[in-house]
Amino acid sequence: MSISFRSRFIGMSATFAAFAAFAALALSSTSGANAETVATVNGVAIDSAIVDLYLSSQTQRPAAEATAAERNSAITELTDIYLLTTQPEAKAFANDTVVKAQIELQSRGVIAQAVAADFFAKNGATDEEILAEYESQKMMSPPLQFKARHILVQTQAAASDLIAQLDDGADFAELAKANSTGPTGPNGGDLGWFSPEQMVKPFSDSVAALSDGAHTSEPVQTQFGWHVILREDSRENQPPTLESVRDVIKQRVEQAKFRAYIEKLRADYTNSG
């Protein structure tokens, strides 16, 4: 299976991940019967919806899964919060410019998350969209994988000397064990199977230009040093099955839809002045 092909499906941004997590958490926390008053603090009611949401935010689990001890602890903590916010001096802070800005930002953030969660719920990826994205990524996948060994040294002269030894019949693996400064040196420089994009470009270009069983005739320089490379074998790249990456592709498609939605909102806002 091509690791590189799979990796192109992975990497959901923190923003989208937060929206997705919020959606699942919010739905699990707000479903059920109407909110009921759990406690009253200085005339202000704490209802069960607030307790559920607070519980979920603290435990990172649906409120329904909370233990009795966790629920009682949440109510106690909320009572302390309500006690502090109902003190006379709290009114002055409520009108403080910085505090008001914080409240406004938090309020906007919560509403924005709710709108995003609603968008994801209504715009899920279809089977056709998932298949199209999968096929698109397959087309972008390189046709070949390579099996290679390399010897990493610090100077061009050292690499040239090793190539001369190989030309005279020296064993590549033994030279790698004796000379390579890279982590694969003790294993004879064995890199196993890889796709070209998994390596830095000068290295992968050199491997692609070789024939199976051939080594580089000139040292190859990368940011790591100077390489002597032996291409041992090649094979057709085998992408993962659709089912094995379906969930990741689904996320990718839905992220693309959301990005397009945000871009349209930005464009409309810009156009409207």
C-alpha atoms as a PDB file:
ATOM      1  CA  MET A   1       0.000   0.000   0.000  1.00  0.00           C
ATOM      2  CA  SER A   2       1.310   3.435  -0.857  1.00  0.00           C
ATOM      3  CA  ILE A   3       1.798   5.462   2.314  1.00  0.00           C
ATOM      4  CA  SER A   4       2.276   8.637   0.301  1.00  0.00           C
ATOM      5  CA  PHE A   5      -1.060   8.213  -1.460  1.00  0.00           C
ATOM      6  CA  ARG A   6      -2.797   7.794   1.883  1.00  0.00           C
ATOM      7  CA  SER A   7      -1.017  10.801   3.373  1.00  0.00           C
ATOM      8  CA  ARG A   8      -2.568  13.148   0.813  1.00  0.00           C
ATOM      9  CA  PHE A   9      -5.940  12.427   2.389  1.00  0.00           C
ATOM     10  CA  ILE A  10      -4.746  13.194   5.921  1.00  0.00           C
ATOM     11  CA  GLY A  11      -4.200  16.548   7.603  1.00  0.00           C
ATOM     12  CA  MET A  12      -7.536  18.125   8.414  1.00  0.00           C
ATOM     13  CA  SER A  13      -6.905  21.657   9.634  1.00  0.00           C
ATOM     14  CA  ALA A  14      -7.407  22.569  13.272  1.00  0.00           C
ATOM     15  CA  THR A  15     -10.308  24.852  12.377  1.00  0.00           C
ATOM     16  CA  PHE A  16     -12.286  22.157  10.592  1.00  0.00           C
ATOM     17  CA  ALA A  17     -11.444  19.612  13.274  1.00  0.00           C
ATOM     18  CA  ALA A  18     -12.762  21.970  15.942  1.00  0.00           C
ATOM     19  CA  PHE A  19     -15.978  22.503  14.011  1.00  0.00           C
ATOM     20  CA  ALA A  20     -16.477  18.770  13.568  1.00  0.00           C
ATOM     21  CA  ALA A  21     -15.760  18.046  17.225  1.00  0.00           C
ATOM     22  CA  PHE A  22     -18.066  20.834  18.311  1.00  0.00           C
ATOM     23  CA  ALA A  23     -20.859  19.495  16.112  1.00  0.00           C
ATOM     24  CA  ALA A  24     -20.712  16.038  17.643  1.00  0.00           C
ATOM     25  CA  LEU A  25     -20.422  17.381  21.160  1.00  0.00           C
ATOM     26  CA  ALA A  26     -23.151  19.968  20.788  1.00  0.00           C
ATOM     27  CA  LEU A  27     -25.658  17.523  19.324  1.00  0.00           C
ATOM     28  CA  SER A  28     -25.035  14.976  22.070  1.00  0.00           C
ATOM     29  CA  SER A  29     -25.271  17.637  24.773  1.00  0.00           C
ATOM     30  CA  THR A  30     -28.444  19.397  23.667  1.00  0.00           C
ATOM     31  CA  SER A  31     -30.609  16.452  22.634  1.00  0.00           C
ATOM     32  CA  GLY A  32     -33.339  15.246  24.936  1.00  0.00           C
ATOM     33  CA  ALA A  33     -36.029  16.896  27.043  1.00  0.00           C
ATOM     34  CA  ASN A  34     -36.404  20.640  27.578  1.00  0.00           C
ATOM     35  CA  ALA A  35     -34.040  22.272  30.053  1.00  0.00           C
ATOM     36  CA  GLU A  36     -35.078  22.294  33.709  1.00  0.00           C
ATOM     37  CA  THR A  37     -33.825  24.439  36.584  1.00  0.00           C
ATOM     38  CA  VAL A  38     -31.146  22.601  38.528  1.00  0.00           C
ATOM     39  CA  ALA A  39     -30.209  25.321  41.018  1.00  0.00           C
ATOM     40  CA  THR A  40     -30.897  28.987  41.714  1.00  0.00           C
ATOM     41  CA  VAL A  41     -28.095  31.325  42.743  1.00  0.00           C
ATOM     42  CA  ASN A  42     -29.008  34.801  44.008  1.00  0.00           C
ATOM     43  CA  GLY A  43     -32.212  34.675  41.982  1.00  0.00           C
ATOM     44  CA  VAL A  44     -30.520  33.456  38.786  1.00  0.00           C
ATOM     45  CA  ALA A  45     -31.445  29.980  37.535  1.00  0.00           C
ATOM     46  CA  ILE A  46     -28.901  27.385  36.410  1.00  0.00           C
ATOM     47  CA  ASP A  47     -30.727  25.101  34.018  1.00  0.00           C
ATOM     48  CA  SER A  48     -29.890  21.566  32.925  1.00  0.00           C
ATOM     49  CA  ALA A  49     -28.807  22.667  29.429  1.00  0.00           C
ATOM     50  CA  ILE A  50     -26.047  24.798  30.951  1.00  0.00           C
ATOM     51  CA  VAL A  51     -25.009  21.955  33.227  1.00  0.00           C
ATOM     52  CA  ASP A  52     -24.903  19.544  30.258  1.00  0.00           C
ATOM     53  CA  LEU A  53     -22.839  21.895  28.120  1.00  0.00           C
ATOM     54  CA  TYR A  54     -20.437  22.636  30.977  1.00  0.00           C
ATOM     55  CA  LEU A  55     -20.068  18.919  31.658  1.00  0.00           C
ATOM     56  CA  SER A  56     -19.281  18.181  28.027  1.00  0.00           C
ATOM     57  CA  SER A  57     -16.708  20.950  27.844  1.00  0.00           C
ATOM     58  CA  GLN A  58     -14.973  19.660  30.970  1.00  0.00           C
ATOM     59  CA  THR A  59     -15.047  15.922  30.256  1.00  0.00           C
ATOM     60  CA  GLN A  60     -14.906  16.002  26.417  1.00  0.00           C
ATOM     61  CA  ARG A  61     -17.720  13.444  26.459  1.00  0.00           C
ATOM     62  CA  PRO A  62     -21.485  13.694  25.932  1.00  0.00           C
ATOM     63  CA  ALA A  63     -23.189  14.860  29.109  1.00  0.00           C
ATOM     64  CA  ALA A  64     -25.343  11.711  29.131  1.00  0.00           C
ATOM     65  CA  GLU A  65     -22.172   9.667  29.771  1.00  0.00           C
ATOM     66  CA  ALA A  66     -21.187  11.675  32.858  1.00  0.00           C
ATOM     67  CA  THR A  67     -21.209   9.997  36.248  1.00  0.00           C
ATOM     68  CA  ALA A  68     -23.280  11.286  39.160  1.00  0.00           C
ATOM     69  CA  ALA A  69     -20.084  12.509  40.812  1.00  0.00           C
ATOM     70  CA  GLU A  70     -19.071  14.426  37.670  1.00  0.00           C
ATOM     71  CA  ARG A  71     -22.516  16.022  37.414  1.00  0.00           C
ATOM     72  CA  ASN A  72     -22.512  17.052  41.074  1.00  0.00           C
ATOM     73  CA  SER A  73     -19.022  18.497  40.684  1.00  0.00           C
ATOM     74  CA  ALA A  74     -20.135  20.476  37.620  1.00  0.00           C
ATOM     75  CA  ILE A  75     -23.121  21.911  39.500  1.00  0.00           C
ATOM     76  CA  THR A  76     -20.855  22.933  42.373  1.00  0.00           C
ATOM     77  CA  GLU A  77     -18.415  24.651  40.005  1.00  0.00           C
ATOM     78  CA  LEU A  78     -21.232  26.409  38.165  1.00  0.00           C
ATOM     79  CA  THR A  79     -22.680  27.573  41.481  1.00  0.00           C
ATOM     80  CA  ASP A  80     -19.343  29.206  42.315  1.00  0.00           C
ATOM     81  CA  ILE A  81     -19.290  30.882  38.890  1.00  0.00           C
ATOM     82  CA  TYR A  82     -22.821  32.200  39.346  1.00  0.00           C
ATOM     83  CA  LEU A  83     -22.015  33.394  42.873  1.00  0.00           C
ATOM     84  CA  LEU A  84     -19.101  35.437  41.543  1.00  0.00           C
ATOM     85  CA  THR A  85     -21.042  36.873  38.607  1.00  0.00           C
ATOM     86  CA  THR A  86     -23.990  37.955  40.762  1.00  0.00           C
ATOM     87  CA  GLN A  87     -21.915  39.999  43.208  1.00  0.00           C
ATOM     88  CA  PRO A  88     -22.435  43.805  43.111  1.00  0.00           C
ATOM     89  CA  GLU A  89     -18.936  44.461  41.765  1.00  0.00           C
ATOM     90  CA  ALA A  90     -19.614  42.106  38.846  1.00  0.00           C
ATOM     91  CA  LYS A  91     -21.887  44.721  37.275  1.00  0.00           C
ATOM     92  CA  ALA A  92     -18.968  47.114  36.896  1.00  0.00           C
ATOM     93  CA  PHE A  93     -16.865  44.464  35.228  1.00  0.00           C
ATOM     94  CA  ALA A  94     -19.714  43.616  32.870  1.00  0.00           C
ATOM     95  CA  ASN A  95     -19.412  47.141  31.474  1.00  0.00           C
ATOM     96  CA  ASP A  96     -15.608  47.059  31.214  1.00  0.00           C
ATOM     97  CA  THR A  97     -14.454  47.513  27.617  1.00  0.00           C
ATOM     98  CA  VAL A  98     -12.115  44.513  27.641  1.00  0.00           C
ATOM     99  CA  VAL A  99     -14.616  42.212  29.341  1.00  0.00           C
ATOM    100  CA  LYS A 100     -17.361  43.277  26.937  1.00  0.00           C
ATOM    101  CA  ALA A 101     -15.035  42.552  24.018  1.00  0.00           C
ATOM    102  CA  GLN A 102     -14.265  39.103  25.426  1.00  0.00           C
ATOM    103  CA  ILE A 103     -17.954  38.329  25.853  1.00  0.00           C
ATOM    104  CA  GLU A 104     -18.701  39.522  22.324  1.00  0.00           C
ATOM    105  CA  LEU A 105     -15.872  37.431  20.850  1.00  0.00           C
ATOM    106  CA  GLN A 106     -16.915  34.317  22.742  1.00  0.00           C
ATOM    107  CA  SER A 107     -20.532  34.826  21.724  1.00  0.00           C
ATOM    108  CA  ARG A 108     -19.612  35.217  18.053  1.00  0.00           C
ATOM    109  CA  GLY A 109     -17.345  32.171  18.262  1.00  0.00           C
ATOM    110  CA  VAL A 110     -20.099  29.966  19.686  1.00  0.00           C
ATOM    111  CA  ILE A 111     -22.577  31.093  17.026  1.00  0.00           C
ATOM    112  CA  ALA A 112     -19.998  30.641  14.269  1.00  0.00           C
ATOM    113  CA  GLN A 113     -19.345  27.089  15.457  1.00  0.00           C
ATOM    114  CA  ALA A 114     -23.062  26.366  15.492  1.00  0.00           C
ATOM    115  CA  VAL A 115     -23.459  27.672  11.918  1.00  0.00           C
ATOM    116  CA  ALA A 116     -20.470  25.596  10.803  1.00  0.00           C
ATOM    117  CA  ALA A 117     -21.836  22.489  12.531  1.00  0.00           C
ATOM    118  CA  ASP A 118     -25.161  22.998  10.779  1.00  0.00           C
ATOM    119  CA  PHE A 119     -23.377  23.358   7.428  1.00  0.00           C
ATOM    120  CA  PHE A 120     -21.492  20.085   7.892  1.00  0.00           C
ATOM    121  CA  ALA A 121     -24.680  18.312   8.953  1.00  0.00           C
ATOM    122  CA  LYS A 122     -26.507  19.470   5.800  1.00  0.00           C
ATOM    123  CA  ASN A 123     -23.650  19.125   3.301  1.00  0.00           C
ATOM    124  CA  GLY A 124     -22.192  15.681   3.860  1.00  0.00           C
ATOM    125  CA  ALA A 125     -20.078  14.084   1.145  1.00  0.00           C
ATOM    126  CA  THR A 126     -22.035  11.871  -1.256  1.00  0.00           C
ATOM    127  CA  ASP A 127     -20.779   8.504  -2.501  1.00  0.00           C
ATOM    128  CA  GLU A 128     -20.270  10.054  -5.943  1.00  0.00           C
ATOM    129  CA  GLU A 129     -18.149  12.879  -4.513  1.00  0.00           C
ATOM    130  CA  ILE A 130     -16.064  10.459  -2.446  1.00  0.00           C
ATOM    131  CA  LEU A 131     -15.416   8.253  -5.469  1.00  0.00           C
ATOM    132  CA  ALA A 132     -14.490  11.252  -7.645  1.00  0.00           C
ATOM    133  CA  GLU A 133     -11.977  12.503  -5.062  1.00  0.00           C
ATOM    134  CA  TYR A 134     -10.507   9.016  -4.711  1.00  0.00           C
ATOM    135  CA  GLU A 135     -10.040   8.667  -8.457  1.00  0.00           C
ATOM    136  CA  SER A 136      -8.516  12.141  -8.635  1.00  0.00           C
ATOM    137  CA  GLN A 137      -5.919  11.226  -6.017  1.00  0.00           C
ATOM    138  CA  LYS A 138      -5.179   7.937  -7.769  1.00  0.00           C
ATOM    139  CA  MET A 139      -4.395   9.835 -10.972  1.00  0.00           C
ATOM    140  CA  MET A 140      -1.956  12.054  -9.072  1.00  0.00           C
ATOM    141  CA  SER A 141      -0.176   9.080  -7.538  1.00  0.00           C
ATOM    142  CA  PRO A 142       3.228   8.277  -9.148  1.00  0.00           C
ATOM    143  CA  PRO A 143       3.206   5.139 -11.317  1.00  0.00           C
ATOM    144  CA  LEU A 144       6.187   3.455  -9.650  1.00  0.00           C
ATOM    145  CA  GLN A 145       7.595   2.693  -6.233  1.00  0.00           C
ATOM    146  CA  PHE A 146      11.286   1.995  -5.735  1.00  0.00           C
ATOM    147  CA  LYS A 147      13.412  -0.188  -3.485  1.00  0.00           C
ATOM    148  CA  ALA A 148      16.812   1.343  -2.899  1.00  0.00           C
ATOM    149  CA  ARG A 149      19.894   1.578  -0.718  1.00  0.00           C
ATOM    150  CA  HIS A 150      22.072   4.623  -0.148  1.00  0.00           C
ATOM    151  CA  ILE A 151      25.328   5.660   1.446  1.00  0.00           C
ATOM    152  CA  LEU A 152      25.359   9.107   3.040  1.00  0.00           C
ATOM    153  CA  VAL A 153      28.680  10.917   3.505  1.00  0.00           C
ATOM    154  CA  GLN A 154      29.647  14.507   4.204  1.00  0.00           C
ATOM    155  CA  THR A 155      31.844  15.308   1.198  1.00  0.00           C
ATOM    156  CA  GLN A 156      31.620  14.935  -2.554  1.00  0.00           C
ATOM    157  CA  ALA A 157      35.115  13.472  -2.643  1.00  0.00           C
ATOM    158  CA  ALA A 158      34.134  10.684  -0.229  1.00  0.00           C
ATOM    159  CA  ALA A 159      31.060   9.869  -2.319  1.00  0.00           C
ATOM    160  CA  SER A 160      33.148   9.803  -5.519  1.00  0.00           C
ATOM    161  CA  ASP A 161      35.614   7.415  -3.911  1.00  0.00           C
ATOM    162  CA  LEU A 162      32.780   5.056  -2.925  1.00  0.00           C
ATOM    163  CA  ILE A 163      31.408   5.102  -6.478  1.00  0.00           C
ATOM    164  CA  ALA A 164      34.855   4.144  -7.757  1.00  0.00           C
ATOM    165  CA  GLN A 165      34.921   1.212  -5.338  1.00  0.00           C
ATOM    166  CA  LEU A 166      31.476   0.101  -6.522  1.00  0.00           C
ATOM    167  CA  ASP A 167      32.637   0.317 -10.133  1.00  0.00           C
ATOM    168  CA  ASP A 168      35.473  -2.036  -9.171  1.00  0.00           C
ATOM    169  CA  GLY A 169      32.999  -4.583  -7.776  1.00  0.00           C
ATOM    170  CA  ALA A 170      32.697  -3.657  -4.084  1.00  0.00           C
ATOM    171  CA  ASP A 171      29.562  -4.756  -2.234  1.00  0.00           C
ATOM    172  CA  PHE A 172      27.154  -1.843  -1.753  1.00  0.00           C
ATOM    173  CA  ALA A 173      25.696  -3.020   1.561  1.00  0.00           C
ATOM    174  CA  GLU A 174      29.141  -3.560   3.074  1.00  0.00           C
ATOM    175  CA  LEU A 175      30.294  -0.117   1.961  1.00  0.00           C
ATOM    176  CA  ALA A 176      27.184   1.408   3.503  1.00  0.00           C
ATOM    177  CA  LYS A 177      27.793  -0.353   6.824  1.00  0.00           C
ATOM    178  CA  ALA A 178      31.379   0.867   6.912  1.00  0.00           C
ATOM    179  CA  ASN A 179      30.916   4.423   5.624  1.00  0.00           C
ATOM    180  CA  SER A 180      27.351   5.754   5.774  1.00  0.00           C
ATOM    181  CA  THR A 181      26.598   8.418   8.374  1.00  0.00           C
ATOM    182  CA  GLY A 182      22.851   7.994   7.906  1.00  0.00           C
ATOM    183  CA  PRO A 183      20.559   5.990  10.237  1.00  0.00           C
ATOM    184  CA  THR A 184      20.236   3.194   7.634  1.00  0.00           C
ATOM    185  CA  GLY A 185      23.999   2.618   7.535  1.00  0.00           C
ATOM    186  CA  PRO A 186      23.995  -0.349   9.962  1.00  0.00           C
ATOM    187  CA  ASN A 187      21.364  -2.008   7.736  1.00  0.00           C
ATOM    188  CA  GLY A 188      23.482  -1.669   4.637  1.00  0.00           C
ATOM    189  CA  GLY A 189      21.731   1.568   3.619  1.00  0.00           C
ATOM    190  CA  ASP A 190      18.421  -0.232   3.027  1.00  0.00           C
ATOM    191  CA  LEU A 191      15.546   2.220   2.509  1.00  0.00           C
ATOM    192  CA  GLY A 192      12.923  -0.376   1.662  1.00  0.00           C
ATOM    193  CA  TRP A 193      10.081   0.506  -0.691  1.00  0.00           C
ATOM    194  CA  PHE A 194       9.051   4.139  -1.153  1.00  0.00           C
ATOM    195  CA  SER A 195       7.246   6.467  -3.541  1.00  0.00           C
ATOM    196  CA  PRO A 196       9.212   9.346  -5.107  1.00  0.00           C
ATOM    197  CA  GLU A 197       7.440  12.104  -3.172  1.00  0.00           C
ATOM    198  CA  GLN A 198       8.505  10.523   0.114  1.00  0.00           C
ATOM    199  CA  MET A 199      12.100  11.552  -0.596  1.00  0.00           C
ATOM    200  CA  VAL A 200      13.663  14.951  -1.248  1.00  0.00           C
ATOM    201  CA  LYS A 201      13.545  15.788  -4.954  1.00  0.00           C
ATOM    202  CA  PRO A 202      17.242  15.451  -5.897  1.00  0.00           C
ATOM    203  CA  PHE A 203      17.263  12.005  -4.308  1.00  0.00           C
ATOM    204  CA  SER A 204      13.997  10.768  -5.871  1.00  0.00           C
ATOM    205  CA  ASP A 205      14.933  12.190  -9.297  1.00  0.00           C
ATOM    206  CA  SER A 206      18.205  10.282  -9.202  1.00  0.00           C
ATOM    207  CA  VAL A 207      16.490   7.040  -8.215  1.00  0.00           C
ATOM    208  CA  ALA A 208      13.905   7.450 -11.000  1.00  0.00           C
ATOM    209  CA  ALA A 209      16.674   7.961 -13.576  1.00  0.00           C
ATOM    210  CA  LEU A 210      18.435   4.698 -12.657  1.00  0.00           C
ATOM    211  CA  SER A 211      17.712   1.214 -13.941  1.00  0.00           C
ATOM    212  CA  ASP A 212      16.983  -1.603 -11.520  1.00  0.00           C
ATOM    213  CA  GLY A 213      20.284  -2.926 -10.175  1.00  0.00           C
ATOM    214  CA  ALA A 214      22.272   0.227 -11.074  1.00  0.00           C
ATOM    215  CA  HIS A 215      23.983   2.731  -8.801  1.00  0.00           C
ATOM    216  CA  THR A 216      24.531   6.455  -9.365  1.00  0.00           C
ATOM    217  CA  SER A 217      27.584   7.326 -11.438  1.00  0.00           C
ATOM    218  CA  GLU A 218      27.910  10.737  -9.772  1.00  0.00           C
ATOM    219  CA  PRO A 219      27.380  11.808  -6.129  1.00  0.00           C
ATOM    220  CA  VAL A 220      23.907  13.196  -5.360  1.00  0.00           C
ATOM    221  CA  GLN A 221      23.721  16.217  -3.088  1.00  0.00           C
ATOM    222  CA  THR A 222      20.791  16.977  -0.759  1.00  0.00           C
ATOM    223  CA  GLN A 223      20.491  19.064   2.401  1.00  0.00           C
ATOM    224  CA  PHE A 224      21.607  15.967   4.333  1.00  0.00           C
ATOM    225  CA  GLY A 225      24.930  15.545   2.564  1.00  0.00           C
ATOM    226  CA  TRP A 226      26.233  13.531  -0.384  1.00  0.00           C
ATOM    227  CA  HIS A 227      24.576  10.278  -1.441  1.00  0.00           C
ATOM    228  CA  VAL A 228      25.553   7.219  -3.411  1.00  0.00           C
ATOM    229  CA  ILE A 229      22.362   5.393  -4.396  1.00  0.00           C
ATOM    230  CA  LEU A 230      21.620   1.861  -5.526  1.00  0.00           C
ATOM    231  CA  ARG A 231      18.197   1.239  -7.087  1.00  0.00           C
ATOM    232  CA  GLU A 232      17.542  -2.408  -6.316  1.00  0.00           C
ATOM    233  CA  ASP A 233      14.040  -2.852  -7.717  1.00  0.00           C
ATOM    234  CA  SER A 234      10.843  -1.101  -8.854  1.00  0.00           C
ATOM    235  CA  ARG A 235       7.158  -1.962  -8.972  1.00  0.00           C
ATOM    236  CA  GLU A 236       3.813  -0.447  -9.872  1.00  0.00           C
ATOM    237  CA  ASN A 237       2.425   1.812  -7.196  1.00  0.00           C
ATOM    238  CA  GLN A 238      -0.549   0.223  -5.439  1.00  0.00           C
ATOM    239  CA  PRO A 239      -2.911   2.822  -3.941  1.00  0.00           C
ATOM    240  CA  PRO A 240      -5.033   1.921  -0.908  1.00  0.00           C
ATOM    241  CA  THR A 241      -8.545   0.642  -1.512  1.00  0.00           C
ATOM    242  CA  LEU A 242     -11.409   3.094  -1.480  1.00  0.00           C
ATOM    243  CA  GLU A 243     -12.879   1.548   1.656  1.00  0.00           C
ATOM    244  CA  SER A 244      -9.620   1.866   3.585  1.00  0.00           C
ATOM    245  CA  VAL A 245      -9.516   5.654   3.058  1.00  0.00           C
ATOM    246  CA  ARG A 246     -13.245   6.408   2.732  1.00  0.00           C
ATOM    247  CA  ASP A 247     -13.534   8.256   6.058  1.00  0.00           C
ATOM    248  CA  VAL A 248     -10.517  10.456   5.345  1.00  0.00           C
ATOM    249  CA  ILE A 249     -11.741  11.245   1.835  1.00  0.00           C
ATOM    250  CA  LYS A 250     -15.167  12.098   3.236  1.00  0.00           C
ATOM    251  CA  GLN A 251     -13.561  14.640   5.567  1.00  0.00           C
ATOM    252  CA  ARG A 252     -11.526  16.047   2.690  1.00  0.00           C
ATOM    253  CA  VAL A 253     -14.596  16.529   0.484  1.00  0.00           C
ATOM    254  CA  GLU A 254     -16.582  18.164   3.278  1.00  0.00           C
ATOM    255  CA  GLN A 255     -13.679  20.468   4.143  1.00  0.00           C
ATOM    256  CA  ALA A 256     -13.528  21.550   0.499  1.00  0.00           C
ATOM    257  CA  LYS A 257     -17.247  22.331   0.554  1.00  0.00           C
ATOM    258  CA  PHE A 258     -16.860  24.382   3.707  1.00  0.00           C
ATOM    259  CA  ARG A 259     -13.863  26.280   2.320  1.00  0.00           C
ATOM    260  CA  ALA A 260     -15.906  27.109  -0.783  1.00  0.00           C
ATOM    261  CA  TYR A 261     -18.759  28.283   1.437  1.00  0.00           C
ATOM    262  CA  ILE A 262     -16.424  30.551   3.432  1.00  0.00           C
ATOM    263  CA  GLU A 263     -14.824  31.899   0.243  1.00  0.00           C
ATOM    264  CA  LYS A 264     -18.272  32.748  -1.142  1.00  0.00           C
ATOM    265  CA  LEU A 265     -19.175  34.545   2.074  1.00  0.00           C
ATOM    266  CA  ARG A 266     -15.947  36.531   1.854  1.00  0.00           C
ATOM    267  CA  ALA A 267     -16.548  37.390  -1.798  1.00  0.00           C
ATOM    268  CA  ASP A 268     -20.116  38.497  -1.132  1.00  0.00           C
ATOM    269  CA  TYR A 269     -18.971  40.579   1.809  1.00  0.00           C
ATOM    270  CA  THR A 270     -16.202  42.202  -0.259  1.00  0.00           C
ATOM    271  CA  ASN A 271     -18.592  42.889  -3.140  1.00  0.00           C
ATOM    272  CA  SER A 272     -21.130  44.413  -0.818  1.00  0.00           C
ATOM    273  CA  GLY A 273     -18.525  46.783   0.536  1.00  0.00           C
END
